[in-house]
């Protein structure tokens, strides 16, 4: 900005001073010609009295002619022949320029500028006078050093003014640049801090110009990045918790299996001890198998989509009840099925896993026997499967966490019954795969109702 301003002002100032100088010089030339014309008129008056003057006689007579300007200056002049030889005149001309008369076109006047060694500058003019015996040239001069001096002073004044203007523009430019760069500096600092991990950085938005819009966009970007990083960290934390919990869960059955197998391998044992050890190995192996299968189901559900198809709801629930009846009867529980005979869109194998897990959870919650109710019905635009038990119930502060992987309300009892805390988490994944959800209502000491409802997803 400073350079552009300086160049523009310099060019404009030079052009203005140059134009003013040439205008002044043109005025001086005009005044020079006016003085020459006055001298010609005076000589013409002299010739009017004696038209037969020769060149020498006119030159001598010219010595008595005197012309004074309005500023009180007496105009000196000289009469020269065609060869530039001075014949006479009035006063003394400060310049000697015999070449001027030889350069004039025939019958025309002209001028040129003469600079003396002492710094003075003169305009030298000459015009022809036709006489009987030849042509004389009337020469006069006018000093114009003041015009050049004025131009020099103007250049100096303009140079000083340009220094002041350049300094002022420079200071103003710095102020404007600082004002413009300040929000950009804040943006840059915030971006650096974000790169260092401080994702809560935001910048102040002032005004509604382009920089303000950029600041607003930066804040939106920072908010989204912070949210996405938080989600990634939460996912990583859940994954670490999942792996840690699974490693902890799998350690117990493996320890029991290895211990009893080593016992059978290392020393002789009786029939009863072998049967007991084999029973432990079998039960722990089955628990490890179930744990691995559920984990595999969770992983598979995370990356696959399953086609849904219409399935008769009543027939489906009665088939599930038939598969669970021996286990429930052995636990001293009754299972009652109430279902509408309507088609429901589902993936039957996955939904059967949901029902089996819910019924198994109800079995584990009812140690003293009782009745479990399995219901299925259609709603306005969805379907619902509901399992109600009369078990111990779930405390209110635990309800929000029971669907987390590996979370167990009563860990010692759940592990003793072969649980791993994956059942409800698996059910929730399957329900979400169907475009549904799970709702749990429970009262400690009175029982629990788990409701799975879904809209059937999209067409396969």
Protein backbone atom coordinates (compact mmCIF):
# COMPACT_ATOMS: atom_id res chain seq x y z
CA UNK A 1 0.00 0.00 0.00
CA UNK A 2 2.84 2.40 0.85
CA UNK A 3 4.65 1.68 -2.41
CA UNK A 4 1.51 2.05 -4.50
CA UNK A 5 0.58 5.30 -2.76
CA UNK A 6 4.12 6.70 -3.14
CA UNK A 7 4.30 5.79 -6.83
CA UNK A 8 0.85 7.20 -7.56
CA UNK A 9 1.47 10.46 -5.69
CA UNK A 10 4.95 10.83 -7.22
CA UNK A 11 3.65 10.39 -10.75
CA UNK A 12 0.78 12.77 -10.13
CA UNK A 13 2.95 15.38 -8.42
CA UNK A 14 5.63 15.22 -11.14
CA UNK A 15 3.01 15.63 -13.84
CA UNK A 16 1.41 18.57 -12.01
CA UNK A 17 4.70 20.39 -11.36
CA UNK A 18 5.87 19.72 -14.92
CA UNK A 19 2.61 21.06 -16.35
CA UNK A 20 2.85 24.16 -14.18
CA UNK A 21 6.48 24.71 -15.23
CA UNK A 22 5.67 24.46 -18.92
CA UNK A 23 2.72 26.81 -18.47
CA UNK A 24 5.01 29.36 -16.79
CA UNK A 25 7.62 28.89 -19.51
CA UNK A 26 4.97 29.42 -22.19
CA UNK A 27 3.94 32.66 -20.47
CA UNK A 28 7.55 33.83 -20.45
CA UNK A 29 7.86 33.00 -24.18
CA UNK A 30 4.66 34.95 -24.85
CA UNK A 31 6.04 37.91 -22.87
CA UNK A 32 9.33 37.61 -24.80
CA UNK A 33 7.47 37.81 -28.10
CA UNK A 34 5.39 40.75 -26.83
CA UNK A 35 8.56 42.64 -25.98
CA UNK A 36 9.95 41.78 -29.42
CA UNK A 37 6.74 43.03 -31.02
CA UNK A 38 6.95 46.31 -29.07
CA UNK A 39 10.51 46.79 -30.27
CA UNK A 40 9.50 46.05 -33.86
CA UNK A 41 6.69 48.61 -33.51
CA UNK A 42 9.13 51.28 -32.22
CA UNK A 43 11.53 50.56 -35.06
CA UNK A 44 8.66 50.67 -37.53
CA UNK A 45 7.78 54.14 -36.23
CA UNK A 46 11.38 55.21 -36.76
CA UNK A 47 11.28 53.86 -40.30
CA UNK A 48 8.02 55.70 -40.92
CA UNK A 49 9.86 59.03 -40.49
CA UNK A 50 12.72 57.96 -42.73
CA UNK A 51 11.85 54.99 -44.90
CA UNK A 52 15.20 55.16 -46.71
CA UNK A 53 17.26 54.14 -43.69
CA UNK A 54 20.03 51.72 -44.52
CA UNK A 55 20.95 48.88 -42.14
CA UNK A 56 23.79 50.86 -40.55
CA UNK A 57 21.66 54.00 -40.24
CA UNK A 58 18.76 52.08 -38.62
CA UNK A 59 21.17 50.37 -36.22
CA UNK A 60 22.54 53.71 -35.13
CA UNK A 61 19.05 55.21 -34.79
CA UNK A 62 18.00 52.19 -32.68
CA UNK A 63 20.40 53.26 -29.95
CA UNK A 64 17.98 56.01 -28.98
CA UNK A 65 14.97 53.69 -28.62
CA UNK A 66 14.06 52.64 -25.09
CA UNK A 67 11.16 50.41 -23.99
CA UNK A 68 10.23 49.88 -20.34
CA UNK A 69 7.95 47.01 -19.15
CA UNK A 70 5.23 47.27 -16.56
CA UNK A 71 7.67 45.93 -13.92
CA UNK A 72 10.01 48.88 -14.61
CA UNK A 73 12.54 46.82 -16.54
CA UNK A 74 14.15 48.36 -19.61
CA UNK A 75 14.23 45.95 -22.51
CA UNK A 76 17.61 45.62 -24.19
CA UNK A 77 17.80 44.60 -27.81
CA UNK A 78 20.26 44.11 -30.63
CA UNK A 79 20.12 44.44 -34.43
CA UNK A 80 22.15 41.88 -36.41
CA UNK A 81 22.66 41.18 -40.06
CA UNK A 82 21.99 37.86 -41.79
CA UNK A 83 25.44 36.62 -40.79
CA UNK A 84 24.76 37.26 -37.10
CA UNK A 85 27.08 40.27 -36.87
CA UNK A 86 25.79 42.83 -34.34
CA UNK A 87 25.22 46.24 -35.95
CA UNK A 88 23.75 48.16 -33.03
CA UNK A 89 21.01 48.28 -30.46
CA UNK A 90 20.04 49.51 -27.03
CA UNK A 91 21.61 48.13 -23.90
CA UNK A 92 23.59 44.94 -23.74
CA UNK A 93 22.22 41.46 -24.32
CA UNK A 94 23.59 38.93 -21.81
CA UNK A 95 23.89 36.19 -24.46
CA UNK A 96 25.77 35.90 -27.68
CA UNK A 97 24.01 33.55 -30.05
CA UNK A 98 24.91 34.28 -33.68
CA UNK A 99 23.65 30.87 -34.64
CA UNK A 100 20.03 31.68 -33.79
CA UNK A 101 19.47 34.01 -36.81
CA UNK A 102 20.90 31.44 -39.21
CA UNK A 103 18.51 28.80 -37.89
CA UNK A 104 15.31 30.81 -38.42
CA UNK A 105 13.14 29.92 -41.41
CA UNK A 106 12.88 32.66 -44.00
CA UNK A 107 10.62 35.48 -42.84
CA UNK A 108 9.78 33.83 -39.46
CA UNK A 109 10.73 34.55 -35.91
CA UNK A 110 11.91 32.07 -33.27
CA UNK A 111 13.53 31.61 -29.87
CA UNK A 112 15.76 29.31 -27.90
CA UNK A 113 16.91 28.90 -24.33
CA UNK A 114 20.40 29.89 -23.23
CA UNK A 115 21.94 28.81 -19.90
CA UNK A 116 24.92 30.77 -18.64
CA UNK A 117 27.73 29.41 -16.53
CA UNK A 118 26.63 31.33 -13.42
CA UNK A 119 23.28 29.53 -13.33
CA UNK A 120 21.22 32.21 -15.04
CA UNK A 121 18.83 31.10 -17.82
CA UNK A 122 17.56 33.36 -20.61
CA UNK A 123 15.05 33.11 -23.42
CA UNK A 124 16.61 34.54 -26.60
CA UNK A 125 14.25 35.61 -29.41
CA UNK A 126 14.88 36.98 -32.90
CA UNK A 127 12.58 38.27 -35.65
CA UNK A 128 13.41 39.56 -39.18
CA UNK A 129 13.06 43.20 -40.37
CA UNK A 130 13.01 43.71 -44.16
CA UNK A 131 14.88 46.81 -45.38
CA UNK A 132 15.79 48.11 -48.83
CA UNK A 133 19.34 46.81 -48.61
CA UNK A 134 18.68 43.56 -46.86
CA UNK A 135 17.28 41.94 -43.71
CA UNK A 136 18.07 42.85 -40.15
CA UNK A 137 17.26 40.65 -37.15
CA UNK A 138 15.80 42.12 -33.98
CA UNK A 139 17.04 40.16 -30.95
CA UNK A 140 15.91 40.48 -27.35
CA UNK A 141 16.27 38.35 -24.17
CA UNK A 142 14.22 37.60 -21.07
CA UNK A 143 15.57 35.97 -17.91
CA UNK A 144 13.56 32.93 -16.77
CA UNK A 145 15.78 31.65 -13.94
CA UNK A 146 12.91 32.27 -11.50
CA UNK A 147 10.77 29.74 -13.37
CA UNK A 148 13.43 27.07 -12.97
CA UNK A 149 14.02 28.09 -9.37
CA UNK A 150 10.30 27.81 -8.66
CA UNK A 151 10.25 24.34 -10.21
CA UNK A 152 13.20 23.27 -8.07
CA UNK A 153 11.52 24.58 -4.90
CA UNK A 154 8.31 22.83 -5.83
CA UNK A 155 10.20 19.56 -6.29
CA UNK A 156 11.81 19.97 -2.88
CA UNK A 157 8.51 20.82 -1.22
CA UNK A 158 6.85 17.91 -2.95
CA UNK A 159 9.65 15.56 -1.85
CA UNK A 160 9.23 16.66 1.78
CA UNK A 161 5.46 16.28 1.50
CA UNK A 162 5.91 12.82 0.02
CA UNK A 163 8.08 11.78 2.97
CA UNK A 164 5.37 12.93 5.37
CA UNK A 165 2.63 11.26 3.34
CA UNK A 166 4.62 8.04 3.03
CA UNK A 167 5.16 7.94 6.77
CA UNK A 168 1.49 8.68 7.46
CA UNK A 169 0.31 6.07 4.95
CA UNK A 170 2.81 3.57 6.37
CA UNK A 171 1.52 4.13 9.91
CA UNK A 172 -2.09 3.92 8.73
CA UNK A 173 -1.31 0.77 6.76
CA UNK A 174 0.28 -0.82 9.81
CA UNK A 175 -2.79 0.03 11.87
CA UNK A 176 -5.18 -1.34 9.24
CA UNK A 177 -3.01 -4.44 8.74
CA UNK A 178 -2.90 -5.05 12.47
CA UNK A 179 -6.68 -4.72 12.66
CA UNK A 180 -7.15 -7.12 9.74
CA UNK A 181 -4.50 -9.61 10.87
CA UNK A 182 -5.60 -9.77 14.51
CA UNK A 183 -8.54 -12.17 13.89
CA UNK A 184 -6.36 -14.17 11.49
CA UNK A 185 -3.71 -14.41 14.20
CA UNK A 186 -6.37 -15.67 16.61
CA UNK A 187 -7.44 -18.24 14.03
CA UNK A 188 -3.84 -19.34 13.50
CA UNK A 189 -3.19 -19.66 17.24
CA UNK A 190 -6.40 -21.62 17.75
CA UNK A 191 -5.50 -23.93 14.85
CA UNK A 192 -2.05 -24.57 16.36
CA UNK A 193 -3.56 -25.35 19.76
CA UNK A 194 -6.05 -27.70 18.12
CA UNK A 195 -3.16 -29.43 16.35
CA UNK A 196 -1.59 -29.91 19.79
CA UNK A 197 -4.74 -31.62 21.04
CA UNK A 198 -6.76 -28.77 22.60
CA UNK A 199 -9.97 -29.44 20.68
CA UNK A 200 -12.12 -27.04 22.74
CA UNK A 201 -10.61 -24.00 20.97
CA UNK A 202 -13.05 -21.41 19.62
CA UNK A 203 -12.49 -17.89 18.23
CA UNK A 204 -14.51 -14.73 18.72
CA UNK A 205 -16.66 -13.70 15.75
CA UNK A 206 -16.76 -9.93 15.23
CA UNK A 207 -18.87 -8.32 12.49
CA UNK A 208 -20.18 -9.96 9.35
CA UNK A 209 -17.28 -9.61 6.90
CA UNK A 210 -15.31 -12.39 5.21
CA UNK A 211 -12.96 -12.86 8.18
CA UNK A 212 -15.93 -13.11 10.53
CA UNK A 213 -17.47 -15.74 8.26
CA UNK A 214 -14.15 -17.61 8.26
CA UNK A 215 -14.09 -17.47 12.08
CA UNK A 216 -17.64 -18.82 12.24
CA UNK A 217 -16.76 -21.64 9.84
CA UNK A 218 -13.68 -22.42 11.95
CA UNK A 219 -15.86 -22.70 15.07
CA UNK A 220 -18.27 -25.05 13.29
CA UNK A 221 -15.36 -27.16 12.06
CA UNK A 222 -13.78 -27.24 15.52
CA UNK A 223 -17.09 -28.29 17.11
CA UNK A 224 -17.53 -31.13 14.65
CA UNK A 225 -13.93 -32.28 15.02
CA UNK A 226 -14.24 -32.22 18.80
CA UNK A 227 -17.47 -34.19 18.65
CA UNK A 228 -16.05 -36.76 16.23
CA UNK A 229 -12.86 -37.17 18.26
CA UNK A 230 -14.97 -37.60 21.41
CA UNK A 231 -17.01 -40.27 19.64
CA UNK A 232 -13.83 -42.01 18.48
CA UNK A 233 -12.39 -41.90 21.98
CA UNK A 234 -15.62 -43.23 23.43
CA UNK A 235 -15.66 -46.02 20.84
CA UNK A 236 -12.03 -46.82 21.62
CA UNK A 237 -12.79 -46.81 25.34
CA UNK A 238 -15.76 -49.12 24.82
CA UNK A 239 -13.60 -51.41 22.71
CA UNK A 240 -10.89 -51.48 25.34
CA UNK A 241 -13.48 -52.14 28.05
CA UNK A 242 -15.00 -54.86 25.87
CA UNK A 243 -11.66 -56.58 25.29
CA UNK A 244 -10.65 -56.22 28.94
CA UNK A 245 -13.96 -57.58 30.20
CA UNK A 246 -13.89 -60.44 27.74
CA UNK A 247 -10.32 -61.31 28.73
CA UNK A 248 -11.40 -61.30 32.36
CA UNK A 249 -14.48 -63.41 31.65
CA UNK A 250 -12.66 -65.98 29.56
CA UNK A 251 -9.90 -66.37 32.15
CA UNK A 252 -12.17 -68.04 34.73
CA UNK A 253 -13.44 -71.00 32.65
CA UNK A 254 -10.04 -71.53 31.09
CA UNK A 255 -8.41 -71.66 34.54
CA UNK A 256 -10.93 -74.23 35.70
CA UNK A 257 -10.58 -76.36 32.55
CA UNK A 258 -6.77 -76.29 32.69
CA UNK A 259 -6.73 -77.02 36.41
CA UNK A 260 -9.06 -80.03 36.30
CA UNK A 261 -7.42 -81.40 33.15
CA UNK A 262 -4.03 -81.13 34.83
CA UNK A 263 -5.43 -82.88 37.88
CA UNK A 264 -6.65 -85.83 35.78
CA UNK A 265 -3.36 -85.92 33.85
CA UNK A 266 -0.96 -85.69 36.77
CA UNK A 267 -2.19 -88.37 39.19
CA UNK A 268 -4.58 -91.38 39.33
CA UNK A 269 -8.10 -90.61 40.47
CA UNK A 270 -11.23 -92.54 41.44
CA UNK A 271 -14.40 -92.82 39.40
CA UNK A 272 -16.25 -90.18 41.42
CA UNK A 273 -13.36 -87.72 41.23
CA UNK A 274 -13.05 -88.30 37.47
CA UNK A 275 -16.79 -87.74 37.02
CA UNK A 276 -16.69 -84.56 39.09
CA UNK A 277 -13.65 -83.20 37.27
CA UNK A 278 -15.15 -84.08 33.90
CA UNK A 279 -18.35 -82.34 34.94
CA UNK A 280 -16.48 -79.17 35.77
CA UNK A 281 -14.54 -79.34 32.53
CA UNK A 282 -17.78 -79.91 30.58
CA UNK A 283 -19.70 -77.10 32.24
CA UNK A 284 -16.85 -74.61 31.94
CA UNK A 285 -16.26 -75.64 28.32
CA UNK A 286 -19.95 -75.09 27.55
CA UNK A 287 -19.81 -71.68 29.21
CA UNK A 288 -16.71 -70.77 27.21
CA UNK A 289 -18.41 -72.00 24.04
CA UNK A 290 -21.51 -69.89 24.72
CA UNK A 291 -19.34 -66.87 25.54
CA UNK A 292 -17.37 -67.22 22.30
CA UNK A 293 -20.54 -67.68 20.24
CA UNK A 294 -22.15 -64.58 21.70
CA UNK A 295 -19.01 -62.56 21.12
CA UNK A 296 -18.91 -63.77 17.52
CA UNK A 297 -22.57 -62.80 17.11
CA UNK A 298 -21.79 -59.30 18.36
CA UNK A 299 -18.89 -58.91 15.93
CA UNK A 300 -20.93 -60.27 13.01
CA UNK A 301 -23.86 -58.00 13.78
CA UNK A 302 -21.49 -55.04 13.74
CA UNK A 303 -20.64 -55.47 10.08
CA UNK A 304 -23.52 -57.30 8.35
CA UNK A 305 -27.03 -56.52 7.26
CA UNK A 306 -29.63 -59.26 7.37
CA UNK A 307 -32.70 -59.57 5.10
CA UNK A 308 -36.07 -59.54 6.85
CA UNK A 309 -39.10 -61.59 5.85
CA UNK A 310 -42.69 -62.06 7.09
CA UNK A 311 -42.94 -64.76 9.80
CA UNK A 312 -46.21 -65.89 11.55
CA UNK A 313 -45.74 -64.42 15.01
CA UNK A 314 -47.79 -66.97 17.03
CA UNK A 315 -46.15 -70.02 15.41
CA UNK A 316 -42.72 -68.45 15.86
CA UNK A 317 -43.19 -67.82 19.61
CA UNK A 318 -44.62 -71.28 20.24
CA UNK A 319 -41.62 -72.88 18.53
CA UNK A 320 -39.30 -70.83 20.76
CA UNK A 321 -41.33 -71.85 23.82
CA UNK A 322 -41.07 -75.53 22.82
CA UNK A 323 -37.28 -75.27 22.59
CA UNK A 324 -37.02 -73.59 26.04
CA UNK A 325 -39.65 -75.66 27.85
CA UNK A 326 -37.34 -78.54 29.09
CA UNK A 327 -34.87 -76.06 30.57
CA UNK A 328 -37.61 -74.01 32.22
CA UNK A 329 -39.44 -77.10 33.51
CA UNK A 330 -36.21 -78.39 35.03
CA UNK A 331 -35.93 -75.01 36.85
CA UNK A 332 -39.51 -75.39 38.13
CA UNK A 333 -40.91 -72.59 35.95
CA UNK A 334 -44.07 -72.38 33.88
CA UNK A 335 -44.05 -70.69 30.47
CA UNK A 336 -47.24 -69.12 29.11
CA UNK A 337 -47.47 -67.93 25.50
CA UNK A 338 -49.95 -65.29 24.30
CA UNK A 339 -49.58 -64.22 20.69
CA UNK A 340 -51.60 -62.81 17.82
CA UNK A 341 -51.67 -64.80 14.61
CA UNK A 342 -50.20 -62.01 12.44
CA UNK A 343 -47.17 -61.95 10.11
CA UNK A 344 -44.21 -59.99 11.48
CA UNK A 345 -41.20 -58.92 9.43
CA UNK A 346 -38.02 -60.24 11.06
CA UNK A 347 -34.90 -62.34 10.68
CA UNK A 348 -36.16 -65.42 12.57
CA UNK A 349 -32.83 -66.84 13.68
CA UNK A 350 -31.70 -63.54 15.18
CA UNK A 351 -35.08 -62.83 16.76
CA UNK A 352 -35.04 -66.34 18.24
CA UNK A 353 -31.72 -65.44 19.86
CA UNK A 354 -33.46 -62.42 21.41
CA UNK A 355 -36.31 -64.54 22.78
CA UNK A 356 -33.97 -67.25 24.12
CA UNK A 357 -31.80 -64.66 25.89
CA UNK A 358 -34.82 -62.91 27.44
CA UNK A 359 -36.32 -66.20 28.62
CA UNK A 360 -32.95 -67.34 29.98
CA UNK A 361 -32.57 -64.06 31.89
CA UNK A 362 -36.06 -64.54 33.33
CA UNK A 363 -35.08 -68.11 34.39
CA UNK A 364 -31.99 -66.85 36.18
CA UNK A 365 -34.03 -64.17 38.00
CA UNK A 366 -36.63 -66.69 39.35
CA UNK A 367 -34.85 -69.05 41.74
CA UNK A 368 -38.04 -69.95 43.66
CA UNK A 369 -40.13 -70.97 40.66
CA UNK A 370 -43.10 -69.15 39.19
CA UNK A 371 -44.52 -68.20 35.81
CA UNK A 372 -42.94 -66.52 32.78
CA UNK A 373 -45.19 -64.81 30.25
CA UNK A 374 -44.11 -64.65 26.57
CA UNK A 375 -46.31 -62.33 24.46
CA UNK A 376 -46.33 -61.21 20.83
CA UNK A 377 -48.69 -58.76 19.13
CA UNK A 378 -48.94 -56.17 16.38
CA UNK A 379 -49.19 -52.46 17.10
CA UNK A 380 -50.18 -49.58 14.79
CA UNK A 381 -47.10 -49.65 12.59
CA UNK A 382 -44.80 -52.12 14.37
CA UNK A 383 -44.59 -55.47 16.16
CA UNK A 384 -43.77 -56.29 19.77
CA UNK A 385 -42.44 -59.29 21.74
CA UNK A 386 -42.70 -59.05 25.51
CA UNK A 387 -41.28 -61.23 28.31
CA UNK A 388 -42.54 -60.82 31.89
CA UNK A 389 -41.14 -62.61 34.92
CA UNK A 390 -41.78 -62.64 38.67
CA UNK A 391 -38.12 -62.60 39.67
CA UNK A 392 -35.91 -60.43 41.83
CA UNK A 393 -36.16 -57.36 39.60
CA UNK A 394 -33.51 -54.78 38.75
CA UNK A 395 -32.66 -51.69 40.86
CA UNK A 396 -33.59 -48.40 39.20
CA UNK A 397 -29.98 -47.19 39.15
CA UNK A 398 -28.96 -50.30 37.17
CA UNK A 399 -31.61 -50.14 34.44
CA UNK A 400 -29.65 -47.83 32.11
CA UNK A 401 -26.58 -50.10 32.12
CA UNK A 402 -28.02 -53.60 31.80
CA UNK A 403 -27.75 -53.48 28.00
CA UNK A 404 -23.99 -52.77 28.12
CA UNK A 405 -21.72 -55.65 27.10
CA UNK A 406 -20.42 -57.66 30.08
CA UNK A 407 -22.45 -55.65 32.59
CA UNK A 408 -24.14 -57.82 35.24
CA UNK A 409 -26.34 -56.66 38.11
CA UNK A 410 -25.39 -59.61 40.35
CA UNK A 411 -22.01 -60.76 39.04
CA UNK A 412 -21.50 -63.70 41.42
CA UNK A 413 -24.94 -65.17 40.75
CA UNK A 414 -24.73 -64.55 37.00
CA UNK A 415 -21.35 -66.28 36.71
CA UNK A 416 -22.53 -69.19 38.85
CA UNK A 417 -25.37 -69.66 36.32
CA UNK A 418 -23.03 -69.44 33.32
CA UNK A 419 -23.74 -65.78 32.45
CA UNK A 420 -21.29 -63.37 30.90
CA UNK A 421 -23.29 -60.13 30.68
CA UNK A 422 -23.62 -60.30 26.88
CA UNK A 423 -27.27 -61.38 26.55
CA UNK A 424 -29.08 -58.02 26.70
CA UNK A 425 -26.31 -56.29 24.73
CA UNK A 426 -26.82 -58.85 21.98
CA UNK A 427 -30.59 -58.40 22.14
CA UNK A 428 -30.21 -54.63 21.80
CA UNK A 429 -27.99 -55.02 18.71
CA UNK A 430 -30.52 -57.33 17.07
CA UNK A 431 -33.41 -54.99 17.91
CA UNK A 432 -31.53 -52.06 16.38
CA UNK A 433 -30.81 -54.18 13.31
CA UNK A 434 -34.61 -54.55 12.92
CA UNK A 435 -35.07 -50.79 13.34
CA UNK A 436 -36.37 -51.20 16.88
CA UNK A 437 -35.45 -50.83 20.54
CA UNK A 438 -35.72 -52.49 23.95
CA UNK A 439 -37.69 -51.12 26.89
CA UNK A 440 -37.22 -52.51 30.41
CA UNK A 441 -39.60 -52.03 33.35
CA UNK A 442 -38.65 -53.53 36.70
CA UNK A 443 -39.48 -53.37 40.38
CA UNK A 444 -37.05 -54.94 42.86
CA UNK A 445 -38.69 -57.99 44.47
CA UNK A 446 -41.67 -57.94 42.05
CA UNK A 447 -40.32 -58.82 38.64
CA UNK A 448 -39.22 -57.46 35.27
CA UNK A 449 -40.88 -56.81 31.93
CA UNK A 450 -38.71 -56.56 28.79
CA UNK A 451 -40.39 -55.23 25.68
CA UNK A 452 -38.81 -55.56 22.20
CA UNK A 453 -40.59 -53.56 19.50
CA UNK A 454 -39.55 -52.96 15.90
CA UNK A 455 -40.89 -51.68 12.57
CA UNK A 456 -39.46 -54.42 10.39
CA UNK A 457 -36.62 -52.48 8.77
CA UNK A 458 -36.60 -52.18 4.95
CA UNK A 459 -37.49 -54.54 2.15
CA UNK A 460 -34.78 -57.16 1.52
